[in-house]
Amino acid sequence: MDISRKLGILVFFGVPAIMGGGIVFDIFGSYIPVSVYEIILLLFAGGLVSK
């Protein structure tokens, strides 16, 4: 997998990180669930990029 594809995957996961983080914060009203959501998303994106 070339570098441009890896960067594209990371950008693709950047949008759900920003939008989803706001939605999760609105639902739960705390930054702890947002952190958990972001970590899960980061692990999933890291798993795709590391292939």
Protein backbone atom coordinates (compact mmCIF):
# COMPACT_ATOMS: atom_id res chain seq x y z
CA MET A 1 0.00 0.00 0.00
CA ASP A 2 1.53 3.32 -1.04
CA ILE A 3 1.75 6.45 1.11
CA SER A 4 -1.04 8.33 -0.67
CA ARG A 5 -3.50 5.51 0.01
CA LYS A 6 -2.50 5.41 3.68
CA LEU A 7 -2.99 9.17 4.00
CA GLY A 8 -6.36 8.87 2.26
CA ILE A 9 -7.50 6.27 4.78
CA LEU A 10 -6.45 8.52 7.66
CA VAL A 11 -8.32 11.49 6.17
CA PHE A 12 -11.36 9.25 5.61
CA PHE A 13 -11.35 8.41 9.33
CA GLY A 14 -10.76 12.05 10.31
CA VAL A 15 -14.29 13.11 9.38
CA PRO A 16 -16.04 10.52 11.59
CA ALA A 17 -13.63 11.41 14.39
CA ILE A 18 -14.68 15.06 14.34
CA MET A 19 -18.40 14.60 13.63
CA GLY A 20 -18.80 11.45 15.69
CA GLY A 21 -16.94 12.97 18.62
CA GLY A 22 -19.43 15.83 18.70
CA ILE A 23 -22.39 13.46 18.49
CA VAL A 24 -21.02 11.24 21.25
CA PHE A 25 -20.41 14.29 23.44
CA ASP A 26 -23.95 15.52 22.82
CA ILE A 27 -25.43 12.15 23.78
CA PHE A 28 -23.35 11.49 26.91
CA GLY A 29 -22.30 15.03 27.93
CA SER A 30 -18.80 13.97 28.95
CA TYR A 31 -15.40 13.69 27.32
CA ILE A 32 -14.70 10.17 28.61
CA PRO A 33 -17.02 8.43 26.09
CA VAL A 34 -15.59 10.69 23.39
CA SER A 35 -12.09 9.51 24.28
CA VAL A 36 -13.19 5.88 24.14
CA TYR A 37 -14.82 6.47 20.73
CA GLU A 38 -11.72 8.20 19.41
CA ILE A 39 -9.40 5.44 20.65
CA ILE A 40 -11.54 2.73 19.04
CA LEU A 41 -11.60 4.68 15.78
CA LEU A 42 -7.84 5.24 15.95
CA LEU A 43 -7.16 1.54 16.52
CA PHE A 44 -9.37 0.57 13.59
CA ALA A 45 -7.73 3.11 11.28
CA GLY A 46 -4.27 2.07 12.47
CA GLY A 47 -5.12 -1.54 11.73
CA LEU A 48 -6.11 -0.67 8.18
CA VAL A 49 -3.05 1.48 7.55
CA SER A 50 -0.60 -1.04 8.97
CA LYS A 51 -1.60 -3.74 6.46
